[in-house]
Amino acid sequence: MKKFQISRRKQSILLAACLVIPGLALANEDWPRKPIKMVVPFSPGGSNDNIARLVSIKMGERLGQPVIVENKVGSGGLIGSDSVAKSPADGYTLLFTSSSIVTNAVSGKKVANDPQKAFTSIGKICSSPFAIVTSTKVPGTKLSEFIAYAKENPEKIHYGTAGVGGMNHLATELFARAAGIQIVHVPYKGISQSYNDLMGGSLEMMLPSLTSIAPHITAGKVRGLAVTSRTRSPLLPDVPTAIEAGLPGFELEVWFGLMAPAGLPAKITQQLNTTLNQVLADPDVVKAFSKEAVTALPGTPDELKKQIASDTEMWKKVIRDNNIKLNEN
């Protein structure tokens, strides 16, 4: 009887092993075994899209599978990010995103996923500053002169953005509070029209991304007063930083990063992070980033998670302190 019981026990163990082993084999399956999709919520051909495509190519070379960019544009990046959040967490769908993923979430926009819950952080890619620009019709060629003019003319300075609660809107309100000025927000459905109005003089100022506005500053169509990075930009070496121009401690940049759906296995997350950091040290990438005037940000998944948590609190405070009404559009 005892021998029979031992035999039955062994049979049970063997049966359990047979059931578990296929699952273990699947969990340890080599990744990647097929092409990877990188969703980019920006329009094709722009600076952000160019960076994403370069990074995707270089990552594909190292992973042994192509990383294919898919542009899903709309609703300030919400459509693209939502599609990734709803995808399987298997490492075959990635999101090239920016700090706007945080502003979309804190602004309460529809379909905006909480980046701290809906995604797995892989790592930061790069950062780029804003430029503080004015119409050439506004008095003052220095930031201090513009601030003085704005203080003398409260609520007579109008600035444009791509919409309420967006990155440019909140960043400009942060600047206004730091400068102690009262300015009026004019939301547009697209950023291009606001650029036209700035150049035409019906808008007095803006806080756009440096890479997008630099050609207009160089051409003399708008006036560049400062950049919001810690150091001057090679794109506009004659334009001072906001700190140099008399706004102590004002430093603000847009970051770009790589994410995946929540629940991505740790092994794949680490492999992607390692690959991404290798790409950021690639000479071709370093050269391209220099031309785009963006700063590479190699690091860990945890550093991106901390950045998102910090940004969430910062932008919530901006909304609260400036009594921003988020139902304007």
C-alpha atoms as a PDB file:
ATOM      1  CA  MET A   1       0.000   0.000   0.000  1.00  0.00           C
ATOM      2  CA  LYS A   2       2.791   2.400   0.924  1.00  0.00           C
ATOM      3  CA  LYS A   3       4.631   1.764  -2.357  1.00  0.00           C
ATOM      4  CA  PHE A   4       1.449   2.496  -4.280  1.00  0.00           C
ATOM      5  CA  GLN A   5       0.956   5.799  -2.442  1.00  0.00           C
ATOM      6  CA  ILE A   6       4.483   6.929  -3.339  1.00  0.00           C
ATOM      7  CA  SER A   7       3.872   6.045  -6.945  1.00  0.00           C
ATOM      8  CA  ARG A   8       0.640   8.051  -6.991  1.00  0.00           C
ATOM      9  CA  ARG A   9       2.459  11.036  -5.461  1.00  0.00           C
ATOM     10  CA  LYS A  10       5.138  10.901  -8.118  1.00  0.00           C
ATOM     11  CA  GLN A  11       2.479  10.696 -10.772  1.00  0.00           C
ATOM     12  CA  SER A  12       0.824  13.822  -9.400  1.00  0.00           C
ATOM     13  CA  ILE A  13       4.128  15.676  -9.394  1.00  0.00           C
ATOM     14  CA  LEU A  14       4.869  14.615 -12.957  1.00  0.00           C
ATOM     15  CA  LEU A  15       1.384  15.638 -14.086  1.00  0.00           C
ATOM     16  CA  ALA A  16       1.758  19.072 -12.461  1.00  0.00           C
ATOM     17  CA  ALA A  17       5.140  19.511 -14.100  1.00  0.00           C
ATOM     18  CA  CYS A  18       3.688  18.685 -17.495  1.00  0.00           C
ATOM     19  CA  LEU A  19       1.041  21.360 -17.008  1.00  0.00           C
ATOM     20  CA  VAL A  20       3.494  24.005 -15.814  1.00  0.00           C
ATOM     21  CA  ILE A  21       6.392  23.462 -18.212  1.00  0.00           C
ATOM     22  CA  PRO A  22       4.597  24.800 -21.326  1.00  0.00           C
ATOM     23  CA  GLY A  23       3.847  28.003 -19.424  1.00  0.00           C
ATOM     24  CA  LEU A  24       7.464  28.273 -18.311  1.00  0.00           C
ATOM     25  CA  ALA A  25       8.663  27.750 -21.838  1.00  0.00           C
ATOM     26  CA  LEU A  26       6.347  30.514 -23.040  1.00  0.00           C
ATOM     27  CA  ALA A  27       7.467  32.888 -20.272  1.00  0.00           C
ATOM     28  CA  ASN A  28      11.123  32.287 -21.133  1.00  0.00           C
ATOM     29  CA  GLU A  29      10.621  32.474 -24.873  1.00  0.00           C
ATOM     30  CA  ASP A  30      13.304  34.574 -26.528  1.00  0.00           C
ATOM     31  CA  TRP A  31      12.162  38.119 -27.235  1.00  0.00           C
ATOM     32  CA  PRO A  32      11.804  39.651 -29.742  1.00  0.00           C
ATOM     33  CA  ARG A  33      10.736  37.060 -32.299  1.00  0.00           C
ATOM     34  CA  LYS A  34       8.841  39.386 -34.635  1.00  0.00           C
ATOM     35  CA  PRO A  35       8.793  43.093 -35.638  1.00  0.00           C
ATOM     36  CA  ILE A  36       8.033  45.662 -32.944  1.00  0.00           C
ATOM     37  CA  LYS A  37       5.658  48.592 -33.430  1.00  0.00           C
ATOM     38  CA  MET A  38       6.539  52.026 -32.054  1.00  0.00           C
ATOM     39  CA  VAL A  39       3.498  54.296 -31.950  1.00  0.00           C
ATOM     40  CA  VAL A  40       4.392  57.961 -32.462  1.00  0.00           C
ATOM     41  CA  PRO A  41       1.557  60.419 -31.640  1.00  0.00           C
ATOM     42  CA  PHE A  42       3.182  63.188 -33.708  1.00  0.00           C
ATOM     43  CA  SER A  43       2.814  64.114 -37.373  1.00  0.00           C
ATOM     44  CA  PRO A  44       5.259  62.558 -39.864  1.00  0.00           C
ATOM     45  CA  GLY A  45       8.165  64.715 -40.947  1.00  0.00           C
ATOM     46  CA  GLY A  46       8.495  66.882 -37.862  1.00  0.00           C
ATOM     47  CA  SER A  47      11.455  67.059 -35.519  1.00  0.00           C
ATOM     48  CA  ASN A  48       9.841  64.736 -32.960  1.00  0.00           C
ATOM     49  CA  ASP A  49       8.985  62.184 -35.634  1.00  0.00           C
ATOM     50  CA  ASN A  50      12.524  62.333 -37.028  1.00  0.00           C
ATOM     51  CA  ILE A  51      13.959  61.545 -33.594  1.00  0.00           C
ATOM     52  CA  ALA A  52      11.556  58.633 -33.130  1.00  0.00           C
ATOM     53  CA  ARG A  53      12.435  57.150 -36.512  1.00  0.00           C
ATOM     54  CA  LEU A  54      16.168  57.368 -35.908  1.00  0.00           C
ATOM     55  CA  VAL A  55      15.818  55.755 -32.478  1.00  0.00           C
ATOM     56  CA  SER A  56      13.561  53.019 -33.893  1.00  0.00           C
ATOM     57  CA  ILE A  57      16.046  52.136 -36.637  1.00  0.00           C
ATOM     58  CA  LYS A  58      18.962  51.963 -34.215  1.00  0.00           C
ATOM     59  CA  MET A  59      16.998  49.903 -31.694  1.00  0.00           C
ATOM     60  CA  GLY A  60      15.940  47.483 -34.425  1.00  0.00           C
ATOM     61  CA  GLU A  61      19.561  46.952 -35.432  1.00  0.00           C
ATOM     62  CA  ARG A  62      20.451  45.939 -31.887  1.00  0.00           C
ATOM     63  CA  LEU A  63      17.360  43.858 -31.163  1.00  0.00           C
ATOM     64  CA  GLY A  64      17.568  41.859 -34.385  1.00  0.00           C
ATOM     65  CA  GLN A  65      13.997  42.747 -35.364  1.00  0.00           C
ATOM     66  CA  PRO A  66      12.706  45.867 -37.148  1.00  0.00           C
ATOM     67  CA  VAL A  67      11.070  48.531 -34.987  1.00  0.00           C
ATOM     68  CA  ILE A  68       8.392  50.028 -37.198  1.00  0.00           C
ATOM     69  CA  VAL A  69       7.085  53.541 -36.579  1.00  0.00           C
ATOM     70  CA  GLU A  70       3.339  54.016 -36.792  1.00  0.00           C
ATOM     71  CA  ASN A  71       2.090  57.607 -36.609  1.00  0.00           C
ATOM     72  CA  LYS A  72      -1.249  57.860 -34.790  1.00  0.00           C
ATOM     73  CA  VAL A  73      -1.984  61.548 -34.644  1.00  0.00           C
ATOM     74  CA  GLY A  74      -4.904  63.325 -33.017  1.00  0.00           C
ATOM     75  CA  SER A  75      -6.274  64.895 -29.847  1.00  0.00           C
ATOM     76  CA  GLY A  76      -2.914  66.137 -28.675  1.00  0.00           C
ATOM     77  CA  GLY A  77      -1.389  62.661 -28.628  1.00  0.00           C
ATOM     78  CA  LEU A  78      -4.328  60.983 -26.888  1.00  0.00           C
ATOM     79  CA  ILE A  79      -5.284  58.691 -29.758  1.00  0.00           C
ATOM     80  CA  GLY A  80      -1.822  57.210 -30.090  1.00  0.00           C
ATOM     81  CA  SER A  81      -1.186  56.778 -26.384  1.00  0.00           C
ATOM     82  CA  ASP A  82      -4.629  55.235 -25.786  1.00  0.00           C
ATOM     83  CA  SER A  83      -4.032  52.652 -28.496  1.00  0.00           C
ATOM     84  CA  VAL A  84      -0.815  51.584 -26.774  1.00  0.00           C
ATOM     85  CA  ALA A  85      -2.433  51.464 -23.336  1.00  0.00           C
ATOM     86  CA  LYS A  86      -4.986  48.991 -24.732  1.00  0.00           C
ATOM     87  CA  SER A  87      -2.368  46.779 -26.413  1.00  0.00           C
ATOM     88  CA  PRO A  88      -0.959  43.512 -25.013  1.00  0.00           C
ATOM     89  CA  ALA A  89       1.992  43.982 -22.653  1.00  0.00           C
ATOM     90  CA  ASP A  90       4.218  41.647 -24.657  1.00  0.00           C
ATOM     91  CA  GLY A  91       6.943  44.045 -25.786  1.00  0.00           C
ATOM     92  CA  TYR A  92       5.703  44.307 -29.355  1.00  0.00           C
ATOM     93  CA  THR A  93       3.930  47.665 -28.974  1.00  0.00           C
ATOM     94  CA  LEU A  94       5.841  50.684 -27.686  1.00  0.00           C
ATOM     95  CA  LEU A  95       4.990  54.362 -27.261  1.00  0.00           C
ATOM     96  CA  PHE A  96       7.293  57.225 -28.162  1.00  0.00           C
ATOM     97  CA  THR A  97       5.884  59.909 -25.923  1.00  0.00           C
ATOM     98  CA  SER A  98       6.610  63.285 -24.389  1.00  0.00           C
ATOM     99  CA  SER A  99       5.869  65.181 -21.201  1.00  0.00           C
ATOM    100  CA  SER A 100       2.524  66.091 -22.791  1.00  0.00           C
ATOM    101  CA  ILE A 101       1.312  62.656 -21.667  1.00  0.00           C
ATOM    102  CA  VAL A 102       1.337  64.111 -18.148  1.00  0.00           C
ATOM    103  CA  THR A 103      -0.337  67.422 -18.998  1.00  0.00           C
ATOM    104  CA  ASN A 104      -3.062  65.539 -20.910  1.00  0.00           C
ATOM    105  CA  ALA A 105      -3.739  63.428 -17.836  1.00  0.00           C
ATOM    106  CA  VAL A 106      -3.814  66.231 -15.258  1.00  0.00           C
ATOM    107  CA  SER A 107      -5.970  68.367 -17.545  1.00  0.00           C
ATOM    108  CA  GLY A 108      -8.714  65.762 -17.359  1.00  0.00           C
ATOM    109  CA  LYS A 109      -8.966  65.307 -21.098  1.00  0.00           C
ATOM    110  CA  LYS A 110     -11.127  62.507 -22.447  1.00  0.00           C
ATOM    111  CA  VAL A 111      -9.301  59.240 -23.173  1.00  0.00           C
ATOM    112  CA  ALA A 112      -6.280  60.515 -21.234  1.00  0.00           C
ATOM    113  CA  ASN A 113      -4.753  57.562 -19.405  1.00  0.00           C
ATOM    114  CA  ASP A 114      -2.910  57.964 -16.126  1.00  0.00           C
ATOM    115  CA  PRO A 115       0.724  57.508 -17.221  1.00  0.00           C
ATOM    116  CA  GLN A 116       1.620  56.176 -13.776  1.00  0.00           C
ATOM    117  CA  LYS A 117      -0.910  53.334 -14.072  1.00  0.00           C
ATOM    118  CA  ALA A 118      -1.579  52.652 -17.750  1.00  0.00           C
ATOM    119  CA  PHE A 119       2.020  52.332 -18.935  1.00  0.00           C
ATOM    120  CA  THR A 120       5.357  50.743 -18.128  1.00  0.00           C
ATOM    121  CA  SER A 121       8.229  53.237 -18.149  1.00  0.00           C
ATOM    122  CA  ILE A 122      11.228  52.136 -20.219  1.00  0.00           C
ATOM    123  CA  GLY A 123      13.417  55.241 -20.244  1.00  0.00           C
ATOM    124  CA  LYS A 124      13.849  58.858 -21.218  1.00  0.00           C
ATOM    125  CA  ILE A 125      15.229  59.631 -24.668  1.00  0.00           C
ATOM    126  CA  CYS A 126      15.961  63.347 -24.844  1.00  0.00           C
ATOM    127  CA  SER A 127      14.799  66.813 -23.856  1.00  0.00           C
ATOM    128  CA  SER A 128      14.291  70.120 -25.618  1.00  0.00           C
ATOM    129  CA  PRO A 129      13.649  73.617 -24.211  1.00  0.00           C
ATOM    130  CA  PHE A 130      10.962  76.145 -24.910  1.00  0.00           C
ATOM    131  CA  ALA A 131      11.676  79.581 -26.340  1.00  0.00           C
ATOM    132  CA  ILE A 132      10.165  82.755 -24.930  1.00  0.00           C
ATOM    133  CA  VAL A 133       9.255  84.733 -28.035  1.00  0.00           C
ATOM    134  CA  THR A 134       7.392  87.931 -28.812  1.00  0.00           C
ATOM    135  CA  SER A 135       5.996  89.669 -31.829  1.00  0.00           C
ATOM    136  CA  THR A 136       8.413  92.164 -33.374  1.00  0.00           C
ATOM    137  CA  LYS A 137       5.728  94.779 -32.756  1.00  0.00           C
ATOM    138  CA  VAL A 138       6.015  94.428 -28.969  1.00  0.00           C
ATOM    139  CA  PRO A 139       8.403  96.909 -27.302  1.00  0.00           C
ATOM    140  CA  GLY A 140      11.613  95.558 -25.825  1.00  0.00           C
ATOM    141  CA  THR A 141      14.371  93.351 -27.171  1.00  0.00           C
ATOM    142  CA  LYS A 142      15.251  91.794 -23.794  1.00  0.00           C
ATOM    143  CA  LEU A 143      13.252  89.544 -21.516  1.00  0.00           C
ATOM    144  CA  SER A 144      13.487  92.027 -18.653  1.00  0.00           C
ATOM    145  CA  GLU A 145      12.107  94.776 -20.906  1.00  0.00           C
ATOM    146  CA  PHE A 146       9.190  92.596 -21.997  1.00  0.00           C
ATOM    147  CA  ILE A 147       8.359  91.674 -18.412  1.00  0.00           C
ATOM    148  CA  ALA A 148       8.420  95.352 -17.422  1.00  0.00           C
ATOM    149  CA  TYR A 149       6.135  96.184 -20.357  1.00  0.00           C
ATOM    150  CA  ALA A 150       3.734  93.378 -19.420  1.00  0.00           C
ATOM    151  CA  LYS A 151       3.578  94.596 -15.814  1.00  0.00           C
ATOM    152  CA  GLU A 152       2.687  98.066 -17.043  1.00  0.00           C
ATOM    153  CA  ASN A 153      -0.022  96.581 -19.282  1.00  0.00           C
ATOM    154  CA  PRO A 154      -1.747  93.810 -17.308  1.00  0.00           C
ATOM    155  CA  GLU A 155      -3.989  91.492 -19.355  1.00  0.00           C
ATOM    156  CA  LYS A 156      -3.101  93.300 -22.571  1.00  0.00           C
ATOM    157  CA  ILE A 157      -0.559  90.674 -23.627  1.00  0.00           C
ATOM    158  CA  HIS A 158      -2.126  87.755 -25.520  1.00  0.00           C
ATOM    159  CA  TYR A 159      -0.397  84.425 -26.090  1.00  0.00           C
ATOM    160  CA  GLY A 160      -1.427  81.514 -28.277  1.00  0.00           C
ATOM    161  CA  THR A 161      -1.332  77.749 -27.774  1.00  0.00           C
ATOM    162  CA  ALA A 162      -2.709  74.605 -29.393  1.00  0.00           C
ATOM    163  CA  GLY A 163      -5.411  74.347 -26.740  1.00  0.00           C
ATOM    164  CA  VAL A 164      -6.468  74.560 -23.102  1.00  0.00           C
ATOM    165  CA  GLY A 165      -4.493  72.368 -20.705  1.00  0.00           C
ATOM    166  CA  GLY A 166      -1.793  71.541 -23.240  1.00  0.00           C
ATOM    167  CA  MET A 167       1.920  71.670 -22.599  1.00  0.00           C
ATOM    168  CA  ASN A 168       2.393  75.149 -24.075  1.00  0.00           C
ATOM    169  CA  HIS A 169      -0.573  76.523 -22.131  1.00  0.00           C
ATOM    170  CA  LEU A 170       0.603  75.280 -18.747  1.00  0.00           C
ATOM    171  CA  ALA A 171       4.233  76.172 -19.451  1.00  0.00           C
ATOM    172  CA  THR A 172       3.295  79.749 -20.349  1.00  0.00           C
ATOM    173  CA  GLU A 173       1.214  80.095 -17.200  1.00  0.00           C
ATOM    174  CA  LEU A 174       4.183  78.821 -15.191  1.00  0.00           C
ATOM    175  CA  PHE A 175       6.353  81.463 -16.847  1.00  0.00           C
ATOM    176  CA  ALA A 176       3.794  84.228 -16.217  1.00  0.00           C
ATOM    177  CA  ARG A 177       3.636  83.352 -12.530  1.00  0.00           C
ATOM    178  CA  ALA A 178       7.426  83.308 -12.254  1.00  0.00           C
ATOM    179  CA  ALA A 179       7.628  86.686 -14.012  1.00  0.00           C
ATOM    180  CA  GLY A 180       4.772  88.196 -12.000  1.00  0.00           C
ATOM    181  CA  ILE A 181       2.748  89.219 -15.043  1.00  0.00           C
ATOM    182  CA  GLN A 182      -0.902  88.846 -16.073  1.00  0.00           C
ATOM    183  CA  ILE A 183      -1.400  87.681 -19.643  1.00  0.00           C
ATOM    184  CA  VAL A 184      -4.370  86.351 -21.637  1.00  0.00           C
ATOM    185  CA  HIS A 185      -4.594  82.880 -23.134  1.00  0.00           C
ATOM    186  CA  VAL A 186      -5.857  82.482 -26.711  1.00  0.00           C
ATOM    187  CA  PRO A 187      -6.338  78.768 -27.530  1.00  0.00           C
ATOM    188  CA  TYR A 188      -6.159  77.603 -31.145  1.00  0.00           C
ATOM    189  CA  LYS A 189      -7.125  74.313 -32.747  1.00  0.00           C
ATOM    190  CA  GLY A 190      -3.652  74.077 -34.262  1.00  0.00           C
ATOM    191  CA  ILE A 191      -0.311  75.633 -33.418  1.00  0.00           C
ATOM    192  CA  SER A 192       0.432  76.801 -36.979  1.00  0.00           C
ATOM    193  CA  GLN A 193      -2.307  79.462 -36.945  1.00  0.00           C
ATOM    194  CA  SER A 194      -0.994  80.879 -33.682  1.00  0.00           C
ATOM    195  CA  TYR A 195       2.460  81.197 -35.262  1.00  0.00           C
ATOM    196  CA  ASN A 196       0.935  83.155 -38.136  1.00  0.00           C
ATOM    197  CA  ASP A 197      -0.860  85.492 -35.735  1.00  0.00           C
ATOM    198  CA  LEU A 198       2.311  85.982 -33.678  1.00  0.00           C
ATOM    199  CA  MET A 199       4.242  86.949 -36.790  1.00  0.00           C
ATOM    200  CA  GLY A 200       1.368  89.176 -37.874  1.00  0.00           C
ATOM    201  CA  GLY A 201       1.219  90.948 -34.512  1.00  0.00           C
ATOM    202  CA  SER A 202      -2.259  89.966 -33.315  1.00  0.00           C
ATOM    203  CA  LEU A 203      -0.583  87.839 -30.644  1.00  0.00           C
ATOM    204  CA  GLU A 204       2.082  89.445 -28.469  1.00  0.00           C
ATOM    205  CA  MET A 205       3.965  86.407 -27.170  1.00  0.00           C
ATOM    206  CA  MET A 206       4.277  82.605 -27.093  1.00  0.00           C
ATOM    207  CA  LEU A 207       6.228  79.833 -25.415  1.00  0.00           C
ATOM    208  CA  PRO A 208       6.665  77.274 -28.225  1.00  0.00           C
ATOM    209  CA  SER A 209       9.244  74.510 -28.518  1.00  0.00           C
ATOM    210  CA  LEU A 210      12.631  75.847 -29.525  1.00  0.00           C
ATOM    211  CA  THR A 211      13.064  73.524 -32.491  1.00  0.00           C
ATOM    212  CA  SER A 212       9.762  74.586 -34.057  1.00  0.00           C
ATOM    213  CA  ILE A 213      10.223  78.342 -33.633  1.00  0.00           C
ATOM    214  CA  ALA A 214      13.985  78.666 -34.200  1.00  0.00           C
ATOM    215  CA  PRO A 215      13.724  79.173 -38.006  1.00  0.00           C
ATOM    216  CA  HIS A 216      11.273  82.057 -37.483  1.00  0.00           C
ATOM    217  CA  ILE A 217      13.585  83.669 -34.916  1.00  0.00           C
ATOM    218  CA  THR A 218      16.570  83.318 -37.254  1.00  0.00           C
ATOM    219  CA  ALA A 219      14.537  84.827 -40.108  1.00  0.00           C
ATOM    220  CA  GLY A 220      13.601  87.810 -37.922  1.00  0.00           C
ATOM    221  CA  LYS A 221       9.862  87.076 -38.100  1.00  0.00           C
ATOM    222  CA  VAL A 222       9.571  86.841 -34.309  1.00  0.00           C
ATOM    223  CA  ARG A 223      11.835  87.990 -31.488  1.00  0.00           C
ATOM    224  CA  GLY A 224      13.597  85.389 -29.365  1.00  0.00           C
ATOM    225  CA  LEU A 225      14.033  86.704 -25.820  1.00  0.00           C
ATOM    226  CA  ALA A 226      15.249  83.577 -24.025  1.00  0.00           C
ATOM    227  CA  VAL A 227      15.414  79.801 -24.008  1.00  0.00           C
ATOM    228  CA  THR A 228      14.265  77.816 -20.994  1.00  0.00           C
ATOM    229  CA  SER A 229      17.153  75.347 -20.800  1.00  0.00           C
ATOM    230  CA  ARG A 230      19.977  75.483 -18.280  1.00  0.00           C
ATOM    231  CA  THR A 231      22.494  76.392 -20.981  1.00  0.00           C
ATOM    232  CA  ARG A 232      22.207  78.228 -24.273  1.00  0.00           C
ATOM    233  CA  SER A 233      21.127  76.299 -27.338  1.00  0.00           C
ATOM    234  CA  PRO A 234      23.508  75.718 -30.262  1.00  0.00           C
ATOM    235  CA  LEU A 235      20.556  76.537 -32.529  1.00  0.00           C
ATOM    236  CA  LEU A 236      20.451  80.104 -31.149  1.00  0.00           C
ATOM    237  CA  PRO A 237      23.749  80.763 -29.375  1.00  0.00           C
ATOM    238  CA  ASP A 238      23.062  84.499 -29.110  1.00  0.00           C
ATOM    239  CA  VAL A 239      19.776  84.019 -27.260  1.00  0.00           C
ATOM    240  CA  PRO A 240      20.293  83.906 -23.467  1.00  0.00           C
ATOM    241  CA  THR A 241      18.730  81.442 -21.073  1.00  0.00           C
ATOM    242  CA  ALA A 242      15.808  82.705 -19.008  1.00  0.00           C
ATOM    243  CA  ILE A 243      18.043  82.556 -15.933  1.00  0.00           C
ATOM    244  CA  GLU A 244      20.697  84.679 -17.646  1.00  0.00           C
ATOM    245  CA  ALA A 245      17.985  87.067 -18.835  1.00  0.00           C
ATOM    246  CA  GLY A 246      16.873  87.820 -15.283  1.00  0.00           C
ATOM    247  CA  LEU A 247      14.376  85.108 -14.323  1.00  0.00           C
ATOM    248  CA  PRO A 248      16.145  83.232 -11.501  1.00  0.00           C
ATOM    249  CA  GLY A 249      15.593  79.502 -11.366  1.00  0.00           C
ATOM    250  CA  PHE A 250      13.297  79.331 -14.378  1.00  0.00           C
ATOM    251  CA  GLU A 251      14.258  76.169 -16.225  1.00  0.00           C
ATOM    252  CA  LEU A 252      11.774  74.067 -18.164  1.00  0.00           C
ATOM    253  CA  GLU A 253      12.151  71.494 -20.923  1.00  0.00           C
ATOM    254  CA  VAL A 254       9.966  69.034 -22.765  1.00  0.00           C
ATOM    255  CA  TRP A 255      11.196  65.467 -22.339  1.00  0.00           C
ATOM    256  CA  PHE A 256      10.656  62.543 -24.670  1.00  0.00           C
ATOM    257  CA  GLY A 257      10.612  58.935 -23.571  1.00  0.00           C
ATOM    258  CA  LEU A 258       9.757  55.355 -24.372  1.00  0.00           C
ATOM    259  CA  MET A 259       6.887  53.495 -22.697  1.00  0.00           C
ATOM    260  CA  ALA A 260       4.864  50.311 -23.113  1.00  0.00           C
ATOM    261  CA  PRO A 261       1.515  49.019 -21.845  1.00  0.00           C
ATOM    262  CA  ALA A 262       1.294  48.416 -18.103  1.00  0.00           C
ATOM    263  CA  GLY A 263       2.442  44.981 -17.006  1.00  0.00           C
ATOM    264  CA  LEU A 264       5.386  44.615 -19.376  1.00  0.00           C
ATOM    265  CA  PRO A 265       7.622  41.815 -18.012  1.00  0.00           C
ATOM    266  CA  ALA A 266      10.659  43.132 -16.136  1.00  0.00           C
ATOM    267  CA  LYS A 267      13.069  41.161 -18.329  1.00  0.00           C
ATOM    268  CA  ILE A 268      11.770  42.818 -21.504  1.00  0.00           C
ATOM    269  CA  THR A 269      11.657  46.237 -19.837  1.00  0.00           C
ATOM    270  CA  GLN A 270      15.314  45.926 -18.869  1.00  0.00           C
ATOM    271  CA  GLN A 271      16.326  44.685 -22.312  1.00  0.00           C
ATOM    272  CA  LEU A 272      14.574  47.624 -23.956  1.00  0.00           C
ATOM    273  CA  ASN A 273      16.136  50.090 -21.516  1.00  0.00           C
ATOM    274  CA  THR A 274      19.631  48.694 -22.115  1.00  0.00           C
ATOM    275  CA  THR A 275      19.105  48.858 -25.884  1.00  0.00           C
ATOM    276  CA  LEU A 276      17.765  52.403 -25.686  1.00  0.00           C
ATOM    277  CA  ASN A 277      20.768  53.605 -23.686  1.00  0.00           C
ATOM    278  CA  GLN A 278      23.100  51.997 -26.227  1.00  0.00           C
ATOM    279  CA  VAL A 279      21.268  53.829 -29.006  1.00  0.00           C
ATOM    280  CA  LEU A 280      21.614  57.176 -27.228  1.00  0.00           C
ATOM    281  CA  ALA A 281      25.403  56.690 -27.206  1.00  0.00           C
ATOM    282  CA  ASP A 282      25.498  55.809 -30.919  1.00  0.00           C
ATOM    283  CA  PRO A 283      27.605  58.377 -32.876  1.00  0.00           C
ATOM    284  CA  ASP A 284      24.890  58.779 -35.522  1.00  0.00           C
ATOM    285  CA  VAL A 285      22.312  59.553 -32.845  1.00  0.00           C
ATOM    286  CA  VAL A 286      24.624  61.929 -30.998  1.00  0.00           C
ATOM    287  CA  LYS A 287      25.226  63.834 -34.244  1.00  0.00           C
ATOM    288  CA  ALA A 288      21.520  63.963 -35.128  1.00  0.00           C
ATOM    289  CA  PHE A 289      20.542  65.125 -31.653  1.00  0.00           C
ATOM    290  CA  SER A 290      23.121  67.906 -31.886  1.00  0.00           C
ATOM    291  CA  LYS A 291      21.555  69.154 -35.132  1.00  0.00           C
ATOM    292  CA  GLU A 292      18.094  69.103 -33.543  1.00  0.00           C
ATOM    293  CA  ALA A 293      19.466  70.849 -30.415  1.00  0.00           C
ATOM    294  CA  VAL A 294      18.085  68.158 -28.119  1.00  0.00           C
ATOM    295  CA  THR A 295      19.876  66.646 -25.141  1.00  0.00           C
ATOM    296  CA  ALA A 296      20.135  62.855 -24.795  1.00  0.00           C
ATOM    297  CA  LEU A 297      18.849  61.518 -21.468  1.00  0.00           C
ATOM    298  CA  PRO A 298      20.110  57.975 -20.908  1.00  0.00           C
ATOM    299  CA  GLY A 299      18.904  56.484 -17.636  1.00  0.00           C
ATOM    300  CA  THR A 300      16.740  53.891 -15.942  1.00  0.00           C
ATOM    301  CA  PRO A 301      13.018  53.086 -16.087  1.00  0.00           C
ATOM    302  CA  ASP A 302      12.742  54.277 -12.493  1.00  0.00           C
ATOM    303  CA  GLU A 303      14.092  57.708 -13.432  1.00  0.00           C
ATOM    304  CA  LEU A 304      11.328  58.130 -16.004  1.00  0.00           C
ATOM    305  CA  LYS A 305       8.746  57.009 -13.428  1.00  0.00           C
ATOM    306  CA  LYS A 306      10.031  59.608 -10.971  1.00  0.00           C
ATOM    307  CA  GLN A 307       9.965  62.296 -13.691  1.00  0.00           C
ATOM    308  CA  ILE A 308       6.330  61.520 -14.453  1.00  0.00           C
ATOM    309  CA  ALA A 309       5.387  61.607 -10.754  1.00  0.00           C
ATOM    310  CA  SER A 310       7.210  64.920 -10.253  1.00  0.00           C
ATOM    311  CA  ASP A 311       5.659  66.481 -13.375  1.00  0.00           C
ATOM    312  CA  THR A 312       2.194  65.350 -12.302  1.00  0.00           C
ATOM    313  CA  GLU A 313       2.457  67.270  -9.048  1.00  0.00           C
ATOM    314  CA  MET A 314       4.027  70.319 -10.715  1.00  0.00           C
ATOM    315  CA  TRP A 315       1.346  70.680 -13.397  1.00  0.00           C
ATOM    316  CA  LYS A 316      -1.476  70.057 -10.935  1.00  0.00           C
ATOM    317  CA  LYS A 317      -0.094  72.937  -8.875  1.00  0.00           C
ATOM    318  CA  VAL A 318       0.075  75.196 -11.954  1.00  0.00           C
ATOM    319  CA  ILE A 319      -3.571  74.439 -12.744  1.00  0.00           C
ATOM    320  CA  ARG A 320      -4.610  75.053  -9.141  1.00  0.00           C
ATOM    321  CA  ASP A 321      -2.516  78.183  -8.542  1.00  0.00           C
ATOM    322  CA  ASN A 322      -3.612  79.834 -11.779  1.00  0.00           C
ATOM    323  CA  ASN A 323      -7.255  78.763 -11.456  1.00  0.00           C
ATOM    324  CA  ILE A 324      -7.164  77.300 -14.954  1.00  0.00           C
ATOM    325  CA  LYS A 325     -10.582  76.269 -16.210  1.00  0.00           C
ATOM    326  CA  LEU A 326     -10.164  73.018 -18.093  1.00  0.00           C
ATOM    327  CA  ASN A 327     -13.563  72.961 -19.754  1.00  0.00           C
ATOM    328  CA  GLU A 328     -12.854  75.816 -22.144  1.00  0.00           C
ATOM    329  CA  ASN A 329     -12.542  73.520 -25.136  1.00  0.00           C
END
